[in-house]
Amino acid sequence: FVRYCFSQFGFTLPHSSAAQISHGIEVDIDQAKAGDLIFFKGHNSGSQ
């Protein structure tokens, strides 16, 4: 979904959240803005 939406605006992202986190620049949560990507662990909250 993220990849599809961004591709409509000329951005190329890989099809994997684990790979997408290596794109763009890291942003602290207090500097987050609309349009930024937000990442989470999968179903296992203990996983890294």
ModelCIF file with pLDDT and N, C-alpha, C, O atoms, coordinates in Angstrom:
data_MODEL
#
_entry.id   MODEL 
#
_entity.id                         1 
_entity.type                       polymer 
_entity.pdbx_number_of_molecules   1 
#
_entity_poly.entity_id                      1 
_entity_poly.type                           'polypeptide(L)' 
_entity_poly.nstd_linkage                   no 
_entity_poly.nstd_monomer                   no 
_entity_poly.pdbx_seq_one_letter_code       FVRYCFSQFGFTLPHSSAAQISHGIEVDIDQAKAGDLIFFKGHNSGSQ 
_entity_poly.pdbx_seq_one_letter_code_can   FVRYCFSQFGFTLPHSSAAQISHGIEVDIDQAKAGDLIFFKGHNSGSQ 
_entity_poly.pdbx_strand_id                 A 
#
loop_
_entity_poly_seq.entity_id 
_entity_poly_seq.num 
_entity_poly_seq.mon_id 
_entity_poly_seq.hetero 
1 1  PHE n 
1 2  VAL n 
1 3  ARG n 
1 4  TYR n 
1 5  CYS n 
1 6  PHE n 
1 7  SER n 
1 8  GLN n 
1 9  PHE n 
1 10 GLY n 
1 11 PHE n 
1 12 THR n 
1 13 LEU n 
1 14 PRO n 
1 15 HIS n 
1 16 SER n 
1 17 SER n 
1 18 ALA n 
1 19 ALA n 
1 20 GLN n 
1 21 ILE n 
1 22 SER n 
1 23 HIS n 
1 24 GLY n 
1 25 ILE n 
1 26 GLU n 
1 27 VAL n 
1 28 ASP n 
1 29 ILE n 
1 30 ASP n 
1 31 GLN n 
1 32 ALA n 
1 33 LYS n 
1 34 ALA n 
1 35 GLY n 
1 36 ASP n 
1 37 LEU n 
1 38 ILE n 
1 39 PHE n 
1 40 PHE n 
1 41 LYS n 
1 42 GLY n 
1 43 HIS n 
1 44 ASN n 
1 45 SER n 
1 46 GLY n 
1 47 SER n 
1 48 GLN n 
#
_struct_asym.id          A 
_struct_asym.entity_id   1 
#
loop_
_ma_qa_metric.id 
_ma_qa_metric.mode 
_ma_qa_metric.name 
_ma_qa_metric.software_group_id 
_ma_qa_metric.type 
1 global pLDDT . pLDDT 
2 local  pLDDT . pLDDT 
#
_ma_qa_metric_global.metric_id      1 
_ma_qa_metric_global.metric_value   95.60 
_ma_qa_metric_global.model_id       1 
_ma_qa_metric_global.ordinal_id     1 
#
loop_
_ma_qa_metric_local.label_asym_id 
_ma_qa_metric_local.label_comp_id 
_ma_qa_metric_local.label_seq_id 
_ma_qa_metric_local.metric_id 
_ma_qa_metric_local.metric_value 
_ma_qa_metric_local.model_id 
_ma_qa_metric_local.ordinal_id 
A PHE 1  2 98.00 1 1  
A VAL 2  2 98.00 1 2  
A ARG 3  2 98.00 1 3  
A TYR 4  2 98.00 1 4  
A CYS 5  2 98.00 1 5  
A PHE 6  2 98.00 1 6  
A SER 7  2 98.00 1 7  
A GLN 8  2 97.00 1 8  
A PHE 9  2 96.00 1 9  
A GLY 10 2 96.00 1 10 
A PHE 11 2 97.00 1 11 
A THR 12 2 97.00 1 12 
A LEU 13 2 98.00 1 13 
A PRO 14 2 97.00 1 14 
A HIS 15 2 92.00 1 15 
A SER 16 2 97.00 1 16 
A SER 17 2 98.00 1 17 
A ALA 18 2 97.00 1 18 
A ALA 19 2 98.00 1 19 
A GLN 20 2 98.00 1 20 
A ILE 21 2 98.00 1 21 
A SER 22 2 97.00 1 22 
A HIS 23 2 97.00 1 23 
A GLY 24 2 97.00 1 24 
A ILE 25 2 97.00 1 25 
A GLU 26 2 98.00 1 26 
A VAL 27 2 97.00 1 27 
A ASP 28 2 97.00 1 28 
A ILE 29 2 96.00 1 29 
A ASP 30 2 96.00 1 30 
A GLN 31 2 97.00 1 31 
A ALA 32 2 97.00 1 32 
A LYS 33 2 97.00 1 33 
A ALA 34 2 97.00 1 34 
A GLY 35 2 98.00 1 35 
A ASP 36 2 98.00 1 36 
A LEU 37 2 98.00 1 37 
A ILE 38 2 98.00 1 38 
A PHE 39 2 98.00 1 39 
A PHE 40 2 98.00 1 40 
A LYS 41 2 96.00 1 41 
A GLY 42 2 90.00 1 42 
A HIS 43 2 84.00 1 43 
A ASN 44 2 84.00 1 44 
A SER 45 2 84.00 1 45 
A GLY 46 2 86.00 1 46 
A SER 47 2 88.00 1 47 
A GLN 48 2 87.00 1 48 
#
loop_
_atom_site.group_PDB 
_atom_site.id 
_atom_site.type_symbol 
_atom_site.label_atom_id 
_atom_site.label_alt_id 
_atom_site.label_comp_id 
_atom_site.label_asym_id 
_atom_site.label_entity_id 
_atom_site.label_seq_id 
_atom_site.pdbx_PDB_ins_code 
_atom_site.Cartn_x 
_atom_site.Cartn_y 
_atom_site.Cartn_z 
_atom_site.occupancy 
_atom_site.B_iso_or_equiv 
_atom_site.pdbx_formal_charge 
_atom_site.auth_seq_id 
_atom_site.auth_comp_id 
_atom_site.auth_asym_id 
_atom_site.auth_atom_id 
_atom_site.pdbx_PDB_model_num 
ATOM 1   N N  . PHE A 1 1  ? 0.834  -1.206  0.000  1.00 98.00 ? 1  PHE A N  1 
ATOM 2   C CA . PHE A 1 1  ? 0.000  0.000   0.000  1.00 98.00 ? 1  PHE A CA 1 
ATOM 3   C C  . PHE A 1 1  ? 0.870  1.258   0.000  1.00 98.00 ? 1  PHE A C  1 
ATOM 4   O O  . PHE A 1 1  ? 0.638  2.178   -0.785 1.00 98.00 ? 1  PHE A O  1 
ATOM 5   N N  . VAL A 1 2  ? 1.864  1.295   0.878  1.00 98.00 ? 2  VAL A N  1 
ATOM 6   C CA . VAL A 1 2  ? 2.769  2.453   0.947  1.00 98.00 ? 2  VAL A CA 1 
ATOM 7   C C  . VAL A 1 2  ? 3.500  2.620   -0.382 1.00 98.00 ? 2  VAL A C  1 
ATOM 8   O O  . VAL A 1 2  ? 3.581  3.724   -0.922 1.00 98.00 ? 2  VAL A O  1 
ATOM 9   N N  . ARG A 1 3  ? 4.022  1.533   -0.896 1.00 98.00 ? 3  ARG A N  1 
ATOM 10  C CA . ARG A 1 3  ? 4.761  1.570   -2.166 1.00 98.00 ? 3  ARG A CA 1 
ATOM 11  C C  . ARG A 1 3  ? 3.868  2.065   -3.303 1.00 98.00 ? 3  ARG A C  1 
ATOM 12  O O  . ARG A 1 3  ? 4.283  2.909   -4.098 1.00 98.00 ? 3  ARG A O  1 
ATOM 13  N N  . TYR A 1 4  ? 2.648  1.545   -3.379 1.00 98.00 ? 4  TYR A N  1 
ATOM 14  C CA . TYR A 1 4  ? 1.691  1.941   -4.415 1.00 98.00 ? 4  TYR A CA 1 
ATOM 15  C C  . TYR A 1 4  ? 1.403  3.441   -4.346 1.00 98.00 ? 4  TYR A C  1 
ATOM 16  O O  . TYR A 1 4  ? 1.448  4.133   -5.363 1.00 98.00 ? 4  TYR A O  1 
ATOM 17  N N  . CYS A 1 5  ? 1.107  3.939   -3.149 1.00 98.00 ? 5  CYS A N  1 
ATOM 18  C CA . CYS A 1 5  ? 0.780  5.364   -3.002 1.00 98.00 ? 5  CYS A CA 1 
ATOM 19  C C  . CYS A 1 5  ? 1.962  6.246   -3.385 1.00 98.00 ? 5  CYS A C  1 
ATOM 20  O O  . CYS A 1 5  ? 1.796  7.207   -4.136 1.00 98.00 ? 5  CYS A O  1 
ATOM 21  N N  . PHE A 1 6  ? 3.138  5.937   -2.885 1.00 98.00 ? 6  PHE A N  1 
ATOM 22  C CA . PHE A 1 6  ? 4.313  6.750   -3.199 1.00 98.00 ? 6  PHE A CA 1 
ATOM 23  C C  . PHE A 1 6  ? 4.671  6.679   -4.679 1.00 98.00 ? 6  PHE A C  1 
ATOM 24  O O  . PHE A 1 6  ? 5.148  7.664   -5.244 1.00 98.00 ? 6  PHE A O  1 
ATOM 25  N N  . SER A 1 7  ? 4.449  5.532   -5.315 1.00 98.00 ? 7  SER A N  1 
ATOM 26  C CA . SER A 1 7  ? 4.795  5.406   -6.742 1.00 98.00 ? 7  SER A CA 1 
ATOM 27  C C  . SER A 1 7  ? 3.960  6.344   -7.605 1.00 98.00 ? 7  SER A C  1 
ATOM 28  O O  . SER A 1 7  ? 4.414  6.773   -8.665 1.00 98.00 ? 7  SER A O  1 
ATOM 29  N N  . GLN A 1 8  ? 2.750  6.668   -7.168 1.00 97.00 ? 8  GLN A N  1 
ATOM 30  C CA . GLN A 1 8  ? 1.883  7.578   -7.921 1.00 97.00 ? 8  GLN A CA 1 
ATOM 31  C C  . GLN A 1 8  ? 2.434  9.001   -7.942 1.00 97.00 ? 8  GLN A C  1 
ATOM 32  O O  . GLN A 1 8  ? 1.978  9.840   -8.719 1.00 97.00 ? 8  GLN A O  1 
ATOM 33  N N  . PHE A 1 9  ? 3.421  9.266   -7.081 1.00 96.00 ? 9  PHE A N  1 
ATOM 34  C CA . PHE A 1 9  ? 4.024  10.598  -6.985 1.00 96.00 ? 9  PHE A CA 1 
ATOM 35  C C  . PHE A 1 9  ? 5.517  10.569  -7.342 1.00 96.00 ? 9  PHE A C  1 
ATOM 36  O O  . PHE A 1 9  ? 6.271  11.474  -6.984 1.00 96.00 ? 9  PHE A O  1 
ATOM 37  N N  . GLY A 1 10 ? 5.924  9.516   -8.051 1.00 96.00 ? 10 GLY A N  1 
ATOM 38  C CA . GLY A 1 10 ? 7.279  9.448   -8.583 1.00 96.00 ? 10 GLY A CA 1 
ATOM 39  C C  . GLY A 1 10 ? 8.340  8.890   -7.650 1.00 96.00 ? 10 GLY A C  1 
ATOM 40  O O  . GLY A 1 10 ? 9.531  9.003   -7.943 1.00 96.00 ? 10 GLY A O  1 
ATOM 41  N N  . PHE A 1 11 ? 7.943  8.293   -6.540 1.00 97.00 ? 11 PHE A N  1 
ATOM 42  C CA . PHE A 1 11 ? 8.905  7.713   -5.601 1.00 97.00 ? 11 PHE A CA 1 
ATOM 43  C C  . PHE A 1 11 ? 8.937  6.204   -5.765 1.00 97.00 ? 11 PHE A C  1 
ATOM 44  O O  . PHE A 1 11 ? 7.896  5.564   -5.912 1.00 97.00 ? 11 PHE A O  1 
ATOM 45  N N  . THR A 1 12 ? 10.132 5.642   -5.740 1.00 97.00 ? 12 THR A N  1 
ATOM 46  C CA . THR A 1 12 ? 10.298 4.204   -5.851 1.00 97.00 ? 12 THR A CA 1 
ATOM 47  C C  . THR A 1 12 ? 10.720 3.649   -4.496 1.00 97.00 ? 12 THR A C  1 
ATOM 48  O O  . THR A 1 12 ? 11.757 4.025   -3.950 1.00 97.00 ? 12 THR A O  1 
ATOM 49  N N  . LEU A 1 13 ? 9.906  2.759   -3.972 1.00 98.00 ? 13 LEU A N  1 
ATOM 50  C CA . LEU A 1 13 ? 10.210 2.098   -2.698 1.00 98.00 ? 13 LEU A CA 1 
ATOM 51  C C  . LEU A 1 13 ? 10.170 0.598   -2.909 1.00 98.00 ? 13 LEU A C  1 
ATOM 52  O O  . LEU A 1 13 ? 9.444  0.117   -3.779 1.00 98.00 ? 13 LEU A O  1 
ATOM 53  N N  . PRO A 1 14 ? 10.939 -0.152  -2.129 1.00 97.00 ? 14 PRO A N  1 
ATOM 54  C CA . PRO A 1 14 ? 10.877 -1.615  -2.239 1.00 97.00 ? 14 PRO A CA 1 
ATOM 55  C C  . PRO A 1 14 ? 9.572  -2.154  -1.651 1.00 97.00 ? 14 PRO A C  1 
ATOM 56  O O  . PRO A 1 14 ? 8.885  -1.446  -0.915 1.00 97.00 ? 14 PRO A O  1 
ATOM 57  N N  . HIS A 1 15 ? 9.234  -3.389  -1.971 1.00 92.00 ? 15 HIS A N  1 
ATOM 58  C CA . HIS A 1 15 ? 8.010  -3.987  -1.429 1.00 92.00 ? 15 HIS A CA 1 
ATOM 59  C C  . HIS A 1 15 ? 8.346  -4.844  -0.215 1.00 92.00 ? 15 HIS A C  1 
ATOM 60  O O  . HIS A 1 15 ? 8.236  -6.070  -0.245 1.00 92.00 ? 15 HIS A O  1 
ATOM 61  N N  . SER A 1 16 ? 8.750  -4.179  0.835  1.00 97.00 ? 16 SER A N  1 
ATOM 62  C CA . SER A 1 16 ? 8.985  -4.837  2.113  1.00 97.00 ? 16 SER A CA 1 
ATOM 63  C C  . SER A 1 16 ? 9.197  -3.738  3.137  1.00 97.00 ? 16 SER A C  1 
ATOM 64  O O  . SER A 1 16 ? 10.012 -2.840  2.925  1.00 97.00 ? 16 SER A O  1 
ATOM 65  N N  . SER A 1 17 ? 8.475  -3.801  4.238  1.00 98.00 ? 17 SER A N  1 
ATOM 66  C CA . SER A 1 17 ? 8.641  -2.777  5.276  1.00 98.00 ? 17 SER A CA 1 
ATOM 67  C C  . SER A 1 17 ? 10.060 -2.805  5.834  1.00 98.00 ? 17 SER A C  1 
ATOM 68  O O  . SER A 1 17 ? 10.609 -1.759  6.180  1.00 98.00 ? 17 SER A O  1 
ATOM 69  N N  . ALA A 1 18 ? 10.657 -3.991  5.923  1.00 97.00 ? 18 ALA A N  1 
ATOM 70  C CA . ALA A 1 18 ? 12.034 -4.108  6.420  1.00 97.00 ? 18 ALA A CA 1 
ATOM 71  C C  . ALA A 1 18 ? 13.014 -3.399  5.495  1.00 97.00 ? 18 ALA A C  1 
ATOM 72  O O  . ALA A 1 18 ? 14.022 -2.866  5.957  1.00 97.00 ? 18 ALA A O  1 
ATOM 73  N N  . ALA A 1 19 ? 12.733 -3.384  4.201  1.00 98.00 ? 19 ALA A N  1 
ATOM 74  C CA . ALA A 1 19 ? 13.597 -2.688  3.240  1.00 98.00 ? 19 ALA A CA 1 
ATOM 75  C C  . ALA A 1 19 ? 13.242 -1.200  3.160  1.00 98.00 ? 19 ALA A C  1 
ATOM 76  O O  . ALA A 1 19 ? 14.125 -0.369  2.949  1.00 98.00 ? 19 ALA A O  1 
ATOM 77  N N  . GLN A 1 20 ? 11.972 -0.858  3.325  1.00 98.00 ? 20 GLN A N  1 
ATOM 78  C CA . GLN A 1 20 ? 11.562 0.544   3.245  1.00 98.00 ? 20 GLN A CA 1 
ATOM 79  C C  . GLN A 1 20 ? 12.169 1.392   4.358  1.00 98.00 ? 20 GLN A C  1 
ATOM 80  O O  . GLN A 1 20 ? 12.379 2.590   4.172  1.00 98.00 ? 20 GLN A O  1 
ATOM 81  N N  . ILE A 1 21 ? 12.454 0.791   5.507  1.00 98.00 ? 21 ILE A N  1 
ATOM 82  C CA . ILE A 1 21 ? 12.989 1.567   6.624  1.00 98.00 ? 21 ILE A CA 1 
ATOM 83  C C  . ILE A 1 21 ? 14.403 2.080   6.336  1.00 98.00 ? 21 ILE A C  1 
ATOM 84  O O  . ILE A 1 21 ? 14.905 2.945   7.054  1.00 98.00 ? 21 ILE A O  1 
ATOM 85  N N  . SER A 1 22 ? 15.034 1.562   5.311  1.00 97.00 ? 22 SER A N  1 
ATOM 86  C CA . SER A 1 22 ? 16.380 2.046   4.963  1.00 97.00 ? 22 SER A CA 1 
ATOM 87  C C  . SER A 1 22 ? 16.326 3.212   3.975  1.00 97.00 ? 22 SER A C  1 
ATOM 88  O O  . SER A 1 22 ? 17.371 3.725   3.576  1.00 97.00 ? 22 SER A O  1 
ATOM 89  N N  . HIS A 1 23 ? 15.140 3.633   3.581  1.00 97.00 ? 23 HIS A N  1 
ATOM 90  C CA . HIS A 1 23 ? 14.982 4.755   2.647  1.00 97.00 ? 23 HIS A CA 1 
ATOM 91  C C  . HIS A 1 23 ? 14.635 6.041   3.398  1.00 97.00 ? 23 HIS A C  1 
ATOM 92  O O  . HIS A 1 23 ? 14.119 6.004   4.515  1.00 97.00 ? 23 HIS A O  1 
ATOM 93  N N  . GLY A 1 24 ? 14.925 7.165   2.771  1.00 97.00 ? 24 GLY A N  1 
ATOM 94  C CA . GLY A 1 24 ? 14.623 8.456   3.376  1.00 97.00 ? 24 GLY A CA 1 
ATOM 95  C C  . GLY A 1 24 ? 15.562 8.772   4.521  1.00 97.00 ? 24 GLY A C  1 
ATOM 96  O O  . GLY A 1 24 ? 16.643 8.195   4.635  1.00 97.00 ? 24 GLY A O  1 
ATOM 97  N N  . ILE A 1 25 ? 15.136 9.695   5.367  1.00 97.00 ? 25 ILE A N  1 
ATOM 98  C CA . ILE A 1 25 ? 15.957 10.089  6.511  1.00 97.00 ? 25 ILE A CA 1 
ATOM 99  C C  . ILE A 1 25 ? 15.203 9.809   7.806  1.00 97.00 ? 25 ILE A C  1 
ATOM 100 O O  . ILE A 1 25 ? 13.982 9.950   7.872  1.00 97.00 ? 25 ILE A O  1 
ATOM 101 N N  . GLU A 1 26 ? 15.938 9.415   8.819  1.00 98.00 ? 26 GLU A N  1 
ATOM 102 C CA . GLU A 1 26 ? 15.345 9.134   10.128 1.00 98.00 ? 26 GLU A CA 1 
ATOM 103 C C  . GLU A 1 26 ? 14.844 10.425  10.764 1.00 98.00 ? 26 GLU A C  1 
ATOM 104 O O  . GLU A 1 26 ? 15.500 11.463  10.680 1.00 98.00 ? 26 GLU A O  1 
ATOM 105 N N  . VAL A 1 27 ? 13.680 10.354  11.398 1.00 97.00 ? 27 VAL A N  1 
ATOM 106 C CA . VAL A 1 27 ? 13.062 11.516  12.020 1.00 97.00 ? 27 VAL A CA 1 
ATOM 107 C C  . VAL A 1 27 ? 12.637 11.134  13.437 1.00 97.00 ? 27 VAL A C  1 
ATOM 108 O O  . VAL A 1 27 ? 12.037 10.079  13.642 1.00 97.00 ? 27 VAL A O  1 
ATOM 109 N N  . ASP A 1 28 ? 12.945 11.986  14.412 1.00 97.00 ? 28 ASP A N  1 
ATOM 110 C CA . ASP A 1 28 ? 12.463 11.767  15.777 1.00 97.00 ? 28 ASP A CA 1 
ATOM 111 C C  . ASP A 1 28 ? 10.951 11.936  15.799 1.00 97.00 ? 28 ASP A C  1 
ATOM 112 O O  . ASP A 1 28 ? 10.390 12.685  14.998 1.00 97.00 ? 28 ASP A O  1 
ATOM 113 N N  . ILE A 1 29 ? 10.307 11.248  16.705 1.00 96.00 ? 29 ILE A N  1 
ATOM 114 C CA . ILE A 1 29 ? 8.846  11.295  16.772 1.00 96.00 ? 29 ILE A CA 1 
ATOM 115 C C  . ILE A 1 29 ? 8.328  12.708  17.024 1.00 96.00 ? 29 ILE A C  1 
ATOM 116 O O  . ILE A 1 29 ? 7.245  13.062  16.557 1.00 96.00 ? 29 ILE A O  1 
ATOM 117 N N  . ASP A 1 30 ? 9.090  13.517  17.758 1.00 96.00 ? 30 ASP A N  1 
ATOM 118 C CA . ASP A 1 30 ? 8.626  14.885  18.022 1.00 96.00 ? 30 ASP A CA 1 
ATOM 119 C C  . ASP A 1 30 ? 8.793  15.803  16.816 1.00 96.00 ? 30 ASP A C  1 
ATOM 120 O O  . ASP A 1 30 ? 8.346  16.950  16.851 1.00 96.00 ? 30 ASP A O  1 
ATOM 121 N N  . GLN A 1 31 ? 9.427  15.320  15.750 1.00 97.00 ? 31 GLN A N  1 
ATOM 122 C CA . GLN A 1 31 ? 9.584  16.077  14.508 1.00 97.00 ? 31 GLN A CA 1 
ATOM 123 C C  . GLN A 1 31 ? 8.768  15.472  13.365 1.00 97.00 ? 31 GLN A C  1 
ATOM 124 O O  . GLN A 1 31 ? 8.861  15.923  12.223 1.00 97.00 ? 31 GLN A O  1 
ATOM 125 N N  . ALA A 1 32 ? 7.972  14.456  13.673 1.00 97.00 ? 32 ALA A N  1 
ATOM 126 C CA . ALA A 1 32 ? 7.180  13.759  12.649 1.00 97.00 ? 32 ALA A CA 1 
ATOM 127 C C  . ALA A 1 32 ? 6.170  14.701  12.000 1.00 97.00 ? 32 ALA A C  1 
ATOM 128 O O  . ALA A 1 32 ? 5.638  15.612  12.634 1.00 97.00 ? 32 ALA A O  1 
ATOM 129 N N  . LYS A 1 33 ? 5.925  14.449  10.709 1.00 97.00 ? 33 LYS A N  1 
ATOM 130 C CA . LYS A 1 33 ? 4.964  15.251  9.938  1.00 97.00 ? 33 LYS A CA 1 
ATOM 131 C C  . LYS A 1 33 ? 4.097  14.326  9.093  1.00 97.00 ? 33 LYS A C  1 
ATOM 132 O O  . LYS A 1 33 ? 4.442  13.171  8.842  1.00 97.00 ? 33 LYS A O  1 
ATOM 133 N N  . ALA A 1 34 ? 2.980  14.860  8.671  1.00 97.00 ? 34 ALA A N  1 
ATOM 134 C CA . ALA A 1 34 ? 2.113  14.121  7.755  1.00 97.00 ? 34 ALA A CA 1 
ATOM 135 C C  . ALA A 1 34 ? 2.908  13.754  6.510  1.00 97.00 ? 34 ALA A C  1 
ATOM 136 O O  . ALA A 1 34 ? 3.631  14.584  5.959  1.00 97.00 ? 34 ALA A O  1 
ATOM 137 N N  . GLY A 1 35 ? 2.773  12.519  6.072  1.00 98.00 ? 35 GLY A N  1 
ATOM 138 C CA . GLY A 1 35 ? 3.494  12.027  4.905  1.00 98.00 ? 35 GLY A CA 1 
ATOM 139 C C  . GLY A 1 35 ? 4.708  11.183  5.260  1.00 98.00 ? 35 GLY A C  1 
ATOM 140 O O  . GLY A 1 35 ? 5.219  10.451  4.413  1.00 98.00 ? 35 GLY A O  1 
ATOM 141 N N  . ASP A 1 36 ? 5.180  11.276  6.508  1.00 98.00 ? 36 ASP A N  1 
ATOM 142 C CA . ASP A 1 36 ? 6.311  10.445  6.949  1.00 98.00 ? 36 ASP A CA 1 
ATOM 143 C C  . ASP A 1 36 ? 5.848  8.996   7.083  1.00 98.00 ? 36 ASP A C  1 
ATOM 144 O O  . ASP A 1 36 ? 4.667  8.731   7.310  1.00 98.00 ? 36 ASP A O  1 
ATOM 145 N N  . LEU A 1 37 ? 6.783  8.069   6.941  1.00 98.00 ? 37 LEU A N  1 
ATOM 146 C CA . LEU A 1 37 ? 6.481  6.655   7.145  1.00 98.00 ? 37 LEU A CA 1 
ATOM 147 C C  . LEU A 1 37 ? 6.720  6.301   8.602  1.00 98.00 ? 37 LEU A C  1 
ATOM 148 O O  . LEU A 1 37 ? 7.678  6.781   9.209  1.00 98.00 ? 37 LEU A O  1 
ATOM 149 N N  . ILE A 1 38 ? 5.867  5.471   9.164  1.00 98.00 ? 38 ILE A N  1 
ATOM 150 C CA . ILE A 1 38 ? 5.999  5.013   10.538 1.00 98.00 ? 38 ILE A CA 1 
ATOM 151 C C  . ILE A 1 38 ? 6.121  3.493   10.519 1.00 98.00 ? 38 ILE A C  1 
ATOM 152 O O  . ILE A 1 38 ? 5.338  2.806   9.864  1.00 98.00 ? 38 ILE A O  1 
ATOM 153 N N  . PHE A 1 39 ? 7.116  2.973   11.247 1.00 98.00 ? 39 PHE A N  1 
ATOM 154 C CA . PHE A 1 39 ? 7.440  1.551   11.197 1.00 98.00 ? 39 PHE A CA 1 
ATOM 155 C C  . PHE A 1 39 ? 7.215  0.868   12.540 1.00 98.00 ? 39 PHE A C  1 
ATOM 156 O O  . PHE A 1 39 ? 7.367  1.459   13.608 1.00 98.00 ? 39 PHE A O  1 
ATOM 157 N N  . PHE A 1 40 ? 6.843  -0.409  12.433 1.00 98.00 ? 40 PHE A N  1 
ATOM 158 C CA . PHE A 1 40 ? 6.538  -1.219  13.608 1.00 98.00 ? 40 PHE A CA 1 
ATOM 159 C C  . PHE A 1 40 ? 7.157  -2.601  13.462 1.00 98.00 ? 40 PHE A C  1 
ATOM 160 O O  . PHE A 1 40 ? 7.479  -3.041  12.358 1.00 98.00 ? 40 PHE A O  1 
ATOM 161 N N  . LYS A 1 41 ? 7.318  -3.281  14.602 1.00 96.00 ? 41 LYS A N  1 
ATOM 162 C CA . LYS A 1 41 ? 7.679  -4.690  14.588 1.00 96.00 ? 41 LYS A CA 1 
ATOM 163 C C  . LYS A 1 41 ? 6.459  -5.442  14.086 1.00 96.00 ? 41 LYS A C  1 
ATOM 164 O O  . LYS A 1 41 ? 5.353  -4.903  14.058 1.00 96.00 ? 41 LYS A O  1 
ATOM 165 N N  . GLY A 1 42 ? 6.666  -6.685  13.691 1.00 90.00 ? 42 GLY A N  1 
ATOM 166 C CA . GLY A 1 42 ? 5.539  -7.500  13.230 1.00 90.00 ? 42 GLY A CA 1 
ATOM 167 C C  . GLY A 1 42 ? 4.673  -7.943  14.397 1.00 90.00 ? 42 GLY A C  1 
ATOM 168 O O  . GLY A 1 42 ? 4.588  -7.247  15.408 1.00 90.00 ? 42 GLY A O  1 
ATOM 169 N N  . HIS A 1 43 ? 4.036  -9.088  14.265 1.00 84.00 ? 43 HIS A N  1 
ATOM 170 C CA . HIS A 1 43 ? 3.120  -9.580  15.292 1.00 84.00 ? 43 HIS A CA 1 
ATOM 171 C C  . HIS A 1 43 ? 3.816  -9.827  16.633 1.00 84.00 ? 43 HIS A C  1 
ATOM 172 O O  . HIS A 1 43 ? 3.192  -9.688  17.685 1.00 84.00 ? 43 HIS A O  1 
ATOM 173 N N  . ASN A 1 44 ? 5.080  -10.185 16.606 1.00 84.00 ? 44 ASN A N  1 
ATOM 174 C CA . ASN A 1 44 ? 5.821  -10.476 17.835 1.00 84.00 ? 44 ASN A CA 1 
ATOM 175 C C  . ASN A 1 44 ? 6.476  -9.193  18.348 1.00 84.00 ? 44 ASN A C  1 
ATOM 176 O O  . ASN A 1 44 ? 7.464  -8.727  17.780 1.00 84.00 ? 44 ASN A O  1 
ATOM 177 N N  . SER A 1 45 ? 5.928  -8.629  19.413 1.00 84.00 ? 45 SER A N  1 
ATOM 178 C CA . SER A 1 45 ? 6.473  -7.370  19.938 1.00 84.00 ? 45 SER A CA 1 
ATOM 179 C C  . SER A 1 45 ? 7.865  -7.539  20.536 1.00 84.00 ? 45 SER A C  1 
ATOM 180 O O  . SER A 1 45 ? 8.568  -6.551  20.748 1.00 84.00 ? 45 SER A O  1 
ATOM 181 N N  . GLY A 1 46 ? 8.276  -8.779  20.810 1.00 86.00 ? 46 GLY A N  1 
ATOM 182 C CA . GLY A 1 46 ? 9.613  -9.031  21.352 1.00 86.00 ? 46 GLY A CA 1 
ATOM 183 C C  . GLY A 1 46 ? 10.681 -9.099  20.270 1.00 86.00 ? 46 GLY A C  1 
ATOM 184 O O  . GLY A 1 46 ? 11.874 -9.072  20.573 1.00 86.00 ? 46 GLY A O  1 
ATOM 185 N N  . SER A 1 47 ? 10.270 -9.186  19.030 1.00 88.00 ? 47 SER A N  1 
ATOM 186 C CA . SER A 1 47 ? 11.201 -9.260  17.904 1.00 88.00 ? 47 SER A CA 1 
ATOM 187 C C  . SER A 1 47 ? 11.880 -7.909  17.686 1.00 88.00 ? 47 SER A C  1 
ATOM 188 O O  . SER A 1 47 ? 11.364 -6.877  18.118 1.00 88.00 ? 47 SER A O  1 
ATOM 189 N N  . GLN A 1 48 ? 13.004 -7.911  17.035 1.00 87.00 ? 48 GLN A N  1 
ATOM 190 C CA . GLN A 1 48 ? 13.681 -6.673  16.667 1.00 87.00 ? 48 GLN A CA 1 
ATOM 191 C C  . GLN A 1 48 ? 13.459 -6.351  15.192 1.00 87.00 ? 48 GLN A C  1 
ATOM 192 O O  . GLN A 1 48 ? 13.957 -5.339  14.700 1.00 87.00 ? 48 GLN A O  1 
#
